[in-house]
Protein backbone atom coordinates (compact mmCIF):
# COMPACT_ATOMS: atom_id res chain seq x y z
CA MET A 1 -17.72 5.08 -20.50
CA VAL A 2 -15.52 3.98 -17.55
CA TYR A 3 -12.62 3.75 -19.29
CA ARG A 4 -13.23 6.29 -21.78
CA ILE A 5 -13.76 8.77 -18.67
CA SER A 6 -10.74 7.89 -16.28
CA LEU A 7 -8.34 7.99 -19.42
CA ILE A 8 -9.50 11.39 -20.59
CA PHE A 9 -9.06 12.68 -16.93
CA THR A 10 -6.40 10.99 -16.12
CA ILE A 11 -4.42 12.24 -19.31
CA ALA A 12 -5.49 15.54 -18.32
CA VAL A 13 -4.12 15.39 -14.77
CA ALA A 14 -0.84 14.27 -15.86
CA LEU A 15 -0.58 16.78 -18.42
CA TRP A 16 -1.31 19.62 -15.94
CA GLY A 17 1.55 17.50 -13.71
CA ILE A 18 4.32 18.11 -16.42
CA LEU A 19 3.09 21.10 -17.99
CA GLY A 20 2.99 23.36 -15.01
CA SER A 21 4.42 21.26 -12.46
CA GLU A 22 5.01 24.15 -10.52
CA SER A 23 0.87 25.06 -10.32
CA PHE A 24 0.31 21.74 -9.67
CA ALA A 25 1.98 20.72 -6.62
CA ALA A 26 1.12 23.85 -5.19
CA PHE A 27 -2.54 23.30 -5.88
CA ALA A 28 -1.46 19.49 -5.04
CA ASP A 29 0.00 20.72 -1.65
CA SER A 30 -3.00 23.20 -0.91
CA LEU A 31 -6.00 20.52 -1.04
CA LEU A 32 -3.72 17.54 0.85
CA GLY A 33 -3.33 20.44 3.59
CA PHE A 34 -7.03 21.54 4.04
CA LEU A 35 -8.09 18.12 4.38
CA THR A 36 -4.94 16.49 6.48
CA ARG A 37 -5.65 20.13 8.86
CA ASP A 38 -9.50 20.47 8.78
CA PHE A 39 -9.89 16.69 8.43
CA GLY A 40 -7.94 14.43 10.64
CA TRP A 41 -9.88 13.92 13.20
CA LEU A 42 -12.04 11.67 10.68
CA TYR A 43 -8.96 10.22 9.16
CA LEU A 44 -8.39 9.06 12.48
CA PHE A 45 -11.83 7.49 13.37
CA VAL A 46 -12.19 6.24 10.02
CA MET A 47 -9.52 4.56 10.66
CA LEU A 48 -9.06 2.76 14.10
CA ALA A 49 -13.68 1.80 12.88
CA PHE A 50 -11.95 -0.10 10.07
CA VAL A 51 -10.36 -2.33 12.11
CA ILE A 52 -13.36 -3.16 14.97
CA PHE A 53 -15.79 -3.75 12.16
CA ALA A 54 -13.11 -6.62 10.53
CA ILE A 55 -12.36 -8.24 13.95
CA PHE A 56 -16.50 -8.23 15.02
CA LEU A 57 -16.92 -10.01 11.19
CA ALA A 58 -15.04 -11.76 11.94
CA PHE A 59 -15.87 -13.22 15.85
CA SER A 60 -19.63 -12.82 15.05
CA LYS A 61 -21.41 -15.82 13.44
CA TYR A 62 -21.17 -14.36 10.07
CA GLY A 63 -17.70 -15.19 10.08
CA LYS A 64 -18.36 -18.53 8.83
CA ILE A 65 -19.97 -17.58 5.81
CA LYS A 66 -18.04 -18.48 2.48
CA LEU A 67 -17.17 -15.34 -0.13
CA GLY A 68 -19.00 -18.32 -2.73
CA ALA A 69 -21.22 -20.83 -2.59
CA ASP A 70 -21.29 -22.93 -0.02
CA ASP A 71 -19.86 -25.67 -1.28
CA SER A 72 -16.77 -23.63 -2.61
CA LYS A 73 -13.12 -24.22 -2.01
CA PRO A 74 -10.10 -21.38 -2.03
CA GLU A 75 -8.99 -21.14 -5.82
CA HIS A 76 -4.83 -20.65 -4.15
CA SER A 77 -2.78 -22.01 -2.24
CA THR A 78 -2.66 -20.02 1.10
CA ILE A 79 0.90 -19.25 1.25
CA SER A 80 0.27 -18.21 -2.55
CA TRP A 81 -2.99 -16.39 -1.68
CA PHE A 82 -0.94 -14.56 1.24
CA ALA A 83 2.02 -13.78 -1.67
CA MET A 84 -0.23 -12.28 -4.29
CA LEU A 85 -2.13 -10.06 -0.61
CA PHE A 86 0.81 -9.16 0.26
CA GLY A 87 2.93 -8.24 -3.05
CA ALA A 88 -0.11 -6.11 -3.70
CA GLY A 89 -0.63 -4.54 -0.38
CA MET A 90 3.18 -3.26 0.13
CA GLY A 91 4.58 -3.76 -3.00
CA ILE A 92 8.12 -1.63 -2.96
CA GLY A 93 7.03 0.37 0.40
CA LEU A 94 7.79 -1.99 2.60
CA VAL A 95 11.94 -2.01 1.29
CA PHE A 96 11.68 2.10 0.47
CA TRP A 97 10.63 2.81 3.71
CA GLY A 98 12.13 0.08 5.82
CA ALA A 99 15.14 1.39 6.78
CA ALA A 100 14.15 5.17 6.70
CA GLU A 101 10.92 5.31 7.97
CA PRO A 102 12.46 4.48 11.91
CA ILE A 103 15.51 6.60 11.30
CA SER A 104 13.22 9.73 10.64
CA HIS A 105 11.45 8.98 13.49
CA PHE A 106 14.33 8.79 15.68
CA VAL A 107 15.81 11.53 14.38
CA ALA A 108 12.78 13.81 14.55
CA PRO A 109 10.38 13.06 16.35
CA PRO A 110 7.59 15.20 17.62
CA GLU A 111 7.30 17.96 20.17
CA GLY A 112 8.50 16.87 23.95
CA ILE A 113 10.25 14.02 22.79
CA ALA A 114 14.58 14.31 22.35
CA ALA A 115 15.67 13.06 19.48
CA GLY A 116 18.10 10.60 18.97
CA SER A 117 16.72 9.32 22.85
CA LEU A 118 15.59 6.08 23.66
CA GLN A 119 12.38 7.27 24.22
CA ALA A 120 12.74 8.36 20.32
CA ALA A 121 14.11 5.00 19.52
CA ASP A 122 10.82 3.57 21.35
CA PHE A 123 8.11 5.76 19.56
CA ALA A 124 10.25 5.26 16.10
CA MET A 125 9.28 1.72 16.68
CA LYS A 126 6.06 1.97 17.59
CA SER A 127 4.81 4.94 15.25
CA SER A 128 6.48 2.59 12.07
CA PHE A 129 4.41 -0.41 13.51
CA MET A 130 1.36 1.08 13.71
CA HIS A 131 2.22 3.41 10.13
CA TRP A 132 2.73 -0.62 8.73
CA GLY A 133 0.40 -3.28 11.21
CA PHE A 134 -3.03 -3.59 11.61
CA HIS A 135 -5.17 -0.18 10.29
CA PRO A 136 -3.84 -0.55 6.36
CA TRP A 137 -4.25 -4.06 6.37
CA ALA A 138 -8.15 -3.28 7.45
CA THR A 139 -8.54 -0.79 5.43
CA TYR A 140 -7.73 -3.04 2.52
CA SER A 141 -9.77 -5.96 4.34
CA ILE A 142 -13.38 -3.16 3.96
CA ILE A 143 -13.14 -2.90 0.27
CA GLY A 144 -11.64 -6.78 -0.58
CA LEU A 145 -14.46 -8.62 1.64
CA ALA A 146 -17.26 -6.50 0.03
CA LEU A 147 -16.19 -7.20 -2.68
CA ALA A 148 -15.35 -10.49 -2.74
CA TYR A 149 -18.95 -11.24 -0.47
CA PHE A 150 -21.10 -9.58 -3.62
CA GLN A 151 -18.95 -11.28 -6.91
CA PHE A 152 -18.60 -14.53 -5.40
CA ARG A 153 -21.97 -15.05 -3.74
CA LYS A 154 -24.07 -12.56 -4.97
CA HIS A 155 -22.90 -13.18 -8.61
CA ALA A 156 -22.73 -9.01 -9.02
CA PRO A 157 -19.87 -7.17 -11.25
CA GLY A 158 -15.80 -6.80 -10.36
CA LEU A 159 -16.76 -3.13 -9.52
CA ILE A 160 -16.32 -1.09 -6.18
CA SER A 161 -19.87 -0.06 -7.54
CA SER A 162 -21.65 -2.99 -6.63
CA ILE A 163 -21.04 -3.08 -3.03
CA PHE A 164 -23.77 -0.15 -2.87
CA THR A 165 -26.08 -2.92 -4.54
CA PRO A 166 -27.91 -4.04 -0.90
CA LEU A 167 -28.29 0.55 -0.70
CA ILE A 168 -29.12 2.43 -3.57
CA GLY A 169 -30.11 -1.16 -6.06
CA GLU A 170 -29.35 -1.97 -9.85
CA LYS A 171 -30.84 1.19 -11.11
CA GLY A 172 -28.71 2.97 -8.78
CA VAL A 173 -24.85 1.39 -8.87
CA LYS A 174 -25.55 1.46 -12.49
CA GLY A 175 -25.91 5.19 -12.98
CA PRO A 176 -24.40 8.37 -12.26
CA VAL A 177 -23.47 7.63 -7.89
CA GLY A 178 -21.86 3.71 -9.72
CA LYS A 179 -20.06 6.14 -12.37
CA ILE A 180 -18.72 8.69 -10.16
CA ILE A 181 -17.43 5.55 -7.71
CA ASP A 182 -15.75 3.32 -10.28
CA ILE A 183 -14.41 6.31 -11.63
CA LEU A 184 -12.83 7.88 -9.05
CA ALA A 185 -11.13 4.18 -8.20
CA VAL A 186 -9.89 3.72 -11.52
CA PHE A 187 -7.72 7.56 -11.33
CA ALA A 188 -6.88 6.05 -7.61
CA THR A 189 -5.29 3.40 -8.79
CA VAL A 190 -3.54 4.68 -11.87
CA ALA A 191 -2.19 7.62 -9.62
CA GLY A 192 -0.87 4.99 -6.79
CA ILE A 193 0.90 3.23 -8.74
CA ALA A 194 1.83 5.22 -11.48
CA THR A 195 3.89 6.61 -7.72
CA SER A 196 4.95 3.81 -6.74
CA LEU A 197 6.70 3.22 -10.58
CA GLY A 198 8.52 6.14 -10.23
CA LEU A 199 9.74 6.18 -6.70
CA GLY A 200 10.93 2.71 -6.86
CA THR A 201 12.67 3.25 -9.86
CA LEU A 202 15.18 6.06 -7.87
CA GLN A 203 15.57 3.51 -5.81
CA ILE A 204 16.62 0.66 -7.78
CA ASN A 205 18.96 3.49 -9.75
CA SER A 206 19.92 3.73 -6.44
CA GLY A 207 20.79 0.67 -4.86
CA LEU A 208 22.74 -0.20 -8.97
CA ASN A 209 24.63 2.64 -9.02
CA TYR A 210 25.68 1.37 -5.19
CA LEU A 211 26.45 -1.41 -6.18
CA PHE A 212 27.76 -1.41 -9.69
CA GLY A 213 28.31 2.25 -10.29
CA LEU A 214 25.28 2.56 -12.49
CA PRO A 215 24.63 6.68 -12.54
CA GLU A 216 21.40 7.88 -11.34
CA THR A 217 20.24 9.58 -14.65
CA LYS A 218 17.42 9.76 -16.77
CA PHE A 219 18.20 7.60 -19.09
CA VAL A 220 18.98 4.78 -17.07
CA GLN A 221 16.10 5.47 -15.25
CA VAL A 222 13.97 5.17 -18.24
CA ILE A 223 15.19 1.66 -18.86
CA ILE A 224 14.78 0.14 -15.21
CA ILE A 225 10.72 1.34 -16.31
CA SER A 226 11.32 0.10 -19.34
CA VAL A 227 12.53 -3.13 -18.36
CA ILE A 228 9.51 -3.89 -14.71
CA THR A 229 7.46 -2.79 -17.92
CA VAL A 230 7.65 -5.62 -19.81
CA LEU A 231 7.41 -7.80 -16.85
CA PHE A 232 4.72 -6.68 -15.13
CA ILE A 233 2.83 -6.93 -18.82
CA TRP A 234 3.49 -9.95 -19.15
CA THR A 235 2.32 -11.52 -16.38
CA ALA A 236 -0.70 -10.02 -16.05
CA VAL A 237 -1.28 -10.88 -19.38
CA THR A 238 -0.57 -14.15 -18.60
CA GLY A 239 -3.19 -14.29 -15.58
CA ILE A 240 -3.16 -15.09 -11.95
CA ASP A 241 -3.33 -19.04 -12.66
CA LYS A 242 0.43 -18.57 -14.26
CA GLY A 243 2.16 -14.91 -13.94
CA ILE A 244 0.60 -12.97 -11.33
CA LYS A 245 0.87 -16.27 -8.54
CA ALA A 246 4.42 -18.05 -9.56
CA LEU A 247 6.30 -14.23 -9.38
CA GLY A 248 4.63 -13.61 -5.90
CA ASP A 249 5.67 -16.47 -4.89
CA ILE A 250 8.87 -15.46 -5.78
CA ASN A 251 8.80 -12.46 -4.46
CA LEU A 252 7.53 -14.07 -0.63
CA TYR A 253 10.86 -16.44 -0.99
CA LEU A 254 12.75 -13.17 -2.06
CA ALA A 255 11.55 -11.09 1.13
CA ILE A 256 11.95 -13.70 3.66
CA ALA A 257 15.16 -14.99 2.64
CA LEU A 258 16.52 -10.86 2.91
CA LEU A 259 14.75 -10.41 6.19
CA VAL A 260 16.82 -14.04 7.95
CA LEU A 261 19.60 -12.56 5.74
CA VAL A 262 19.17 -8.93 8.02
CA ILE A 263 17.74 -10.13 11.33
CA ILE A 264 21.51 -12.41 10.83
CA LEU A 265 23.93 -10.22 9.92
CA GLY A 266 22.20 -7.18 10.97
CA PRO A 267 22.59 -6.11 15.30
CA THR A 268 20.89 -9.52 16.52
CA LEU A 269 19.69 -8.97 19.82
CA PRO A 270 18.56 -5.23 19.48
CA ILE A 271 15.93 -6.59 16.78
CA LEU A 272 14.50 -9.31 18.99
CA ASN A 273 14.61 -6.49 21.07
CA ASN A 274 12.94 -4.30 19.96
CA LEU A 275 10.88 -6.31 17.53
CA ILE A 276 9.25 -7.45 21.65
CA ASN A 277 8.98 -4.19 22.83
CA GLY A 278 7.72 -2.25 20.13
CA LEU A 279 4.91 -5.09 19.71
CA GLY A 280 4.17 -4.28 23.83
CA LEU A 281 3.89 -0.57 23.31
CA TYR A 282 2.15 -1.32 20.13
CA ILE A 283 -0.68 -3.23 21.19
CA ASN A 284 -1.04 -1.47 24.94
CA ASP A 285 -1.44 2.43 23.05
CA PHE A 286 -3.11 0.96 20.26
CA ILE A 287 -6.32 2.77 20.96
CA LYS A 288 -4.59 6.11 22.37
CA ASP A 289 -3.07 6.22 19.15
CA SER A 290 -5.05 5.66 17.00
CA LEU A 291 -7.53 8.55 18.46
CA LYS A 292 -4.11 10.38 19.43
CA ILE A 293 -4.66 14.56 17.62
CA SER A 294 -4.27 17.76 19.97
CA ALA A 295 -7.05 20.14 20.14
CA PHE A 296 -4.78 22.99 20.80
CA GLY A 297 -1.45 22.38 20.17
CA ASP A 298 0.96 21.46 17.49
CA ASN A 299 -0.22 18.33 15.08
CA GLY A 300 2.84 18.51 12.77
CA TRP A 301 3.82 15.35 13.24
CA ILE A 302 0.47 13.68 13.76
CA ASN A 303 -0.38 15.45 9.93
CA LYS A 304 2.67 14.74 8.35
CA TRP A 305 2.86 11.20 9.07
CA ARG A 306 0.27 9.27 10.14
CA ILE A 307 -3.31 11.23 8.22
CA PHE A 308 -1.47 11.40 6.14
CA TYR A 309 -0.48 7.61 5.36
CA TRP A 310 -4.50 6.57 6.62
CA ALA A 311 -4.89 9.12 3.47
CA TRP A 312 -2.56 7.17 1.49
CA TRP A 313 -3.64 3.37 2.51
CA ILE A 314 -7.22 4.85 1.83
CA ALA A 315 -6.52 6.13 -1.26
CA TRP A 316 -4.52 2.82 -2.25
CA ALA A 317 -8.31 0.91 -1.02
CA PRO A 318 -10.11 0.82 -4.22
CA PHE A 319 -6.73 -1.40 -6.06
CA VAL A 320 -5.51 -4.14 -3.23
CA GLY A 321 -9.38 -4.69 -2.07
CA SER A 322 -10.10 -5.57 -5.34
CA PHE A 323 -7.26 -7.42 -5.88
CA ILE A 324 -7.27 -9.28 -3.13
CA ALA A 325 -11.49 -9.65 -3.43
CA ARG A 326 -10.49 -11.74 -6.89
CA ILE A 327 -7.72 -14.02 -5.34
CA SER A 328 -9.98 -14.53 -2.39
CA LYS A 329 -13.06 -16.76 -3.93
CA GLY A 330 -13.87 -19.82 -1.36
CA ARG A 331 -12.26 -18.62 1.77
CA THR A 332 -14.68 -18.15 4.77
CA ILE A 333 -15.38 -14.18 6.30
CA ARG A 334 -12.58 -15.44 9.43
CA GLU A 335 -10.53 -16.69 7.17
CA PHE A 336 -10.22 -13.51 4.93
CA VAL A 337 -9.74 -11.24 7.97
CA GLY A 338 -7.39 -13.27 9.24
CA GLY A 339 -5.18 -14.20 6.04
CA VAL A 340 -5.79 -10.37 5.34
CA ILE A 341 -5.43 -8.25 7.68
CA ALA A 342 -3.80 -10.55 11.30
CA ALA A 343 -0.70 -12.02 8.85
CA PRO A 344 0.80 -9.24 6.90
CA ALA A 345 0.07 -6.79 9.60
CA LEU A 346 2.58 -9.62 11.97
CA ALA A 347 5.41 -9.77 8.34
CA SER A 348 5.02 -6.01 8.24
CA ILE A 349 6.10 -5.42 11.96
CA ILE A 350 8.80 -8.23 12.17
CA TRP A 351 10.27 -6.52 9.14
CA PHE A 352 10.20 -2.60 10.56
CA SER A 353 11.60 -4.37 13.56
CA ALA A 354 14.95 -5.80 11.54
CA PHE A 355 15.47 -3.25 9.31
CA GLY A 356 14.89 -0.12 11.58
CA SER A 357 16.71 -1.64 14.00
CA MET A 358 19.93 -1.85 11.69
CA GLY A 359 18.99 1.95 10.90
CA ILE A 360 18.88 3.15 14.51
CA ASN A 361 21.84 0.68 15.50
CA LEU A 362 24.23 3.36 13.70
CA LYS A 363 24.14 6.28 16.19
CA ASP A 364 27.01 4.99 17.69
CA THR A 365 28.88 4.67 14.42
CA ILE A 366 27.19 8.01 12.31
CA GLY A 367 26.20 9.61 14.80
CA LEU A 368 22.41 11.71 14.80
CA LYS A 369 23.96 13.90 11.69
CA GLY A 370 25.03 10.63 10.33
CA LEU A 371 21.68 9.22 10.06
CA SER A 372 19.43 12.89 10.11
CA ALA A 373 20.94 12.93 6.24
CA LEU A 374 19.97 9.01 5.27
CA ALA A 375 16.80 9.99 6.79
CA LYS A 376 16.46 12.85 4.06
CA ALA A 377 17.44 9.88 1.16
CA PRO A 378 15.14 7.30 1.46
CA GLU A 379 15.30 5.94 -1.77
CA THR A 380 19.28 5.28 -0.54
CA ALA A 381 18.92 5.36 3.17
CA LEU A 382 18.82 0.85 2.53
CA PHE A 383 21.93 0.72 0.75
CA GLN A 384 23.80 3.43 2.81
CA VAL A 385 23.14 1.07 6.27
CA PHE A 386 23.74 -2.17 4.27
CA GLY A 387 26.69 -0.59 3.78
CA HIS A 388 27.82 -0.45 7.54
CA TYR A 389 27.11 -4.12 8.24
CA PRO A 390 28.68 -7.26 6.87
CA LEU A 391 27.72 -9.06 3.19
CA ALA A 392 26.70 -5.54 2.66
CA TRP A 393 27.16 -6.31 -1.17
CA LEU A 394 25.06 -9.71 -0.51
CA LEU A 395 22.20 -7.71 1.28
CA SER A 396 21.65 -4.88 -1.24
CA ILE A 397 21.82 -7.42 -4.46
CA VAL A 398 18.83 -9.59 -3.01
CA ALA A 399 17.41 -6.02 -1.67
CA VAL A 400 17.12 -4.37 -5.18
CA ALA A 401 16.31 -7.86 -6.26
CA LEU A 402 13.52 -7.76 -4.16
CA LEU A 403 12.47 -4.29 -5.01
CA CYS A 404 12.39 -5.55 -8.36
CA THR A 405 9.46 -7.82 -8.13
CA PHE A 406 7.77 -6.07 -5.06
CA PHE A 407 7.70 -3.05 -8.39
CA VAL A 408 6.29 -6.01 -10.71
CA THR A 409 3.70 -7.48 -7.95
CA SER A 410 2.24 -3.80 -7.37
CA ALA A 411 2.00 -3.11 -11.08
CA ASN A 412 0.68 -6.45 -12.31
CA SER A 413 -2.01 -6.65 -9.31
CA ALA A 414 -3.04 -3.01 -10.55
CA THR A 415 -3.16 -4.09 -14.53
CA PHE A 416 -4.71 -6.56 -13.97
CA VAL A 417 -8.04 -4.67 -11.39
CA LEU A 418 -7.70 -1.66 -13.72
CA GLY A 419 -8.96 -4.37 -16.63
CA MET A 420 -11.46 -5.49 -14.38
CA PHE A 421 -12.49 -1.67 -14.02
CA THR A 422 -12.43 -0.42 -17.10
CA SER A 423 -14.36 -3.67 -18.41
CA GLU A 424 -17.59 -3.43 -16.56
CA GLY A 425 -15.97 -5.62 -13.56
CA ASP A 426 -15.33 -8.60 -15.85
CA LEU A 427 -13.40 -10.73 -13.56
CA ASN A 428 -11.55 -12.20 -16.56
CA PRO A 429 -10.65 -9.07 -18.37
CA GLY A 430 -9.17 -9.17 -21.39
CA ASN A 431 -5.98 -8.29 -23.04
CA ARG A 432 -6.16 -5.79 -24.50
CA LYS A 433 -7.51 -3.99 -21.67
CA LYS A 434 -4.70 -4.91 -19.56
CA PHE A 435 -1.88 -3.79 -22.05
CA ILE A 436 -3.23 -0.23 -22.97
CA CYS A 437 -3.28 0.29 -18.47
CA GLY A 438 -0.18 -1.10 -17.78
CA LEU A 439 1.10 1.03 -21.07
CA VAL A 440 -0.97 4.31 -19.33
CA GLN A 441 0.81 3.69 -16.31
CA SER A 442 3.81 3.44 -17.32
CA LEU A 443 4.62 6.56 -19.31
CA LEU A 444 2.84 8.77 -16.80
CA ALA A 445 5.33 7.49 -14.28
CA VAL A 446 7.67 8.67 -16.85
CA ALA A 447 6.39 11.62 -17.61
CA LEU A 448 6.37 12.97 -14.39
CA LEU A 449 9.37 11.75 -13.42
CA PHE A 450 11.00 14.07 -16.16
CA SER A 451 8.86 17.13 -15.26
CA GLY A 452 9.64 16.55 -11.57
CA GLY A 453 6.06 16.04 -11.10
CA LEU A 454 6.22 12.36 -8.91
CA THR A 455 5.55 13.51 -5.21
CA ALA A 456 2.50 16.09 -7.00
CA LEU A 457 0.67 12.96 -8.03
CA GLN A 458 1.05 11.12 -5.50
CA THR A 459 0.41 13.76 -3.21
CA ALA A 460 -3.18 14.98 -6.14
CA SER A 461 -4.24 10.75 -5.54
CA VAL A 462 -4.32 10.89 -1.77
CA ALA A 463 -5.81 13.84 -1.41
CA ALA A 464 -8.56 12.68 -4.15
CA ALA A 465 -8.96 9.70 -2.26
CA PHE A 466 -10.81 11.92 0.07
CA PRO A 467 -14.22 10.64 -1.18
CA PHE A 468 -13.87 6.75 -0.67
CA ILE A 469 -13.91 7.42 3.92
CA PHE A 470 -17.38 7.79 2.44
CA VAL A 471 -17.30 5.41 0.28
CA MET A 472 -16.24 2.59 3.15
CA ILE A 473 -18.39 3.82 5.40
CA PHE A 474 -21.37 3.08 3.60
CA ALA A 475 -19.30 -0.39 2.27
CA MET A 476 -19.44 -1.62 5.63
CA VAL A 477 -23.47 -0.67 6.53
CA SER A 478 -24.58 -2.30 3.36
CA MET A 479 -22.43 -5.21 4.42
CA VAL A 480 -23.86 -5.60 7.17
CA LYS A 481 -27.46 -5.30 5.62
CA ALA A 482 -26.27 -8.45 3.11
CA LEU A 483 -25.27 -10.32 5.39
CA LYS A 484 -28.47 -9.75 7.56
CA SER A 485 -30.20 -11.93 5.37
CA GLU A 486 -28.22 -14.93 5.21
CA LYS A 487 -29.69 -18.10 6.75
CA ILE A 488 -27.43 -18.81 9.72
């Protein structure tokens, strides 16, 4: 039922986006505008609550509980585990926004901060750390931890609805409420990944254009999506141990290589200073910035950036949380929180320090107007920034390769999770189901790329994920209720 209804619903939304792209975009923008404007306070509050809850569990007496039997061991090495969860959780976004987001905040900060000033530079780094640091990973951990606990310790199916067994019982989970939750999870996953496939394709095309003069056309973009589709379906069908894990390891090493090259070839001292200074600002203002919203002033920047990001991470939580849960058997709750929140958040902070500093450092070279132009075209910003540094061709080649591997790791993880969601929570779904789910994502990306509906689909998926705020609140309640029955 979940498979059929979610497939029909996704196709119906996609057809609307393709055939009536203008009305679809207007509706999606209106809905998201309403949610961010009227419920921005709720997004801010719950995202901070997720961070506090995860930290509380890690340091509580429940932290030593294993996600599985008491004698269970982790199925994957710590490095491979981190590589897979990092690739699924951030994916192509780190490469896409690594330079573009800090530049955007630097040239267009909120009211009260002068564009291009030292204050704007501090604000740009702190805000990028906030958007890609502890909050998104804590959001993933809420779903991931609850699912891993119920899957491996209570032997429940790998479905989002399984989390609610302590609250509504098995009958309630298998009823209409449980089905609606699982259908929304499928839609959020398909829409989120299809959007990433489309936006990632645009950036890969721009990178190939920069390196080899390959034209930026729809024909080239379809070829890119086709090649990527073959790779991610093949690795998803091969399975976690062989396909997904192997590619995740390659992806991690490529990311480290690019990061090291950027630190060496870029403005090394500003990168290190930005890392330390930005980290201090981020930690010092963490609570204040987490809850910052004006009662009477202008919240334009907050709605456009922070609350949109919080809504986007919540939209990705069902897919990323489910995949992280699937690969985390045998870890303790404390180990899970450390590996899923602290380690990737720190990696993201270092990443934005390096790439953001590279971009902001160009103020004296191309001026504020030149940086503003880069901010308006985030898909090409990274390669334009590289062009002002030594060995730009090498940086660009590694970046394009990393884009492709990040592309594939996000898509194959999503394909595997969709297979689980549409196979009644089977932790090892059949290849036929994974093949169909992978194909649907790619066809959706191609169709919306041609119709100009990609951004509208992203907006719609973020808006449609609003109910997951309450799903995740009840997931925390359910988790606490289940943990209280543990004999410690």
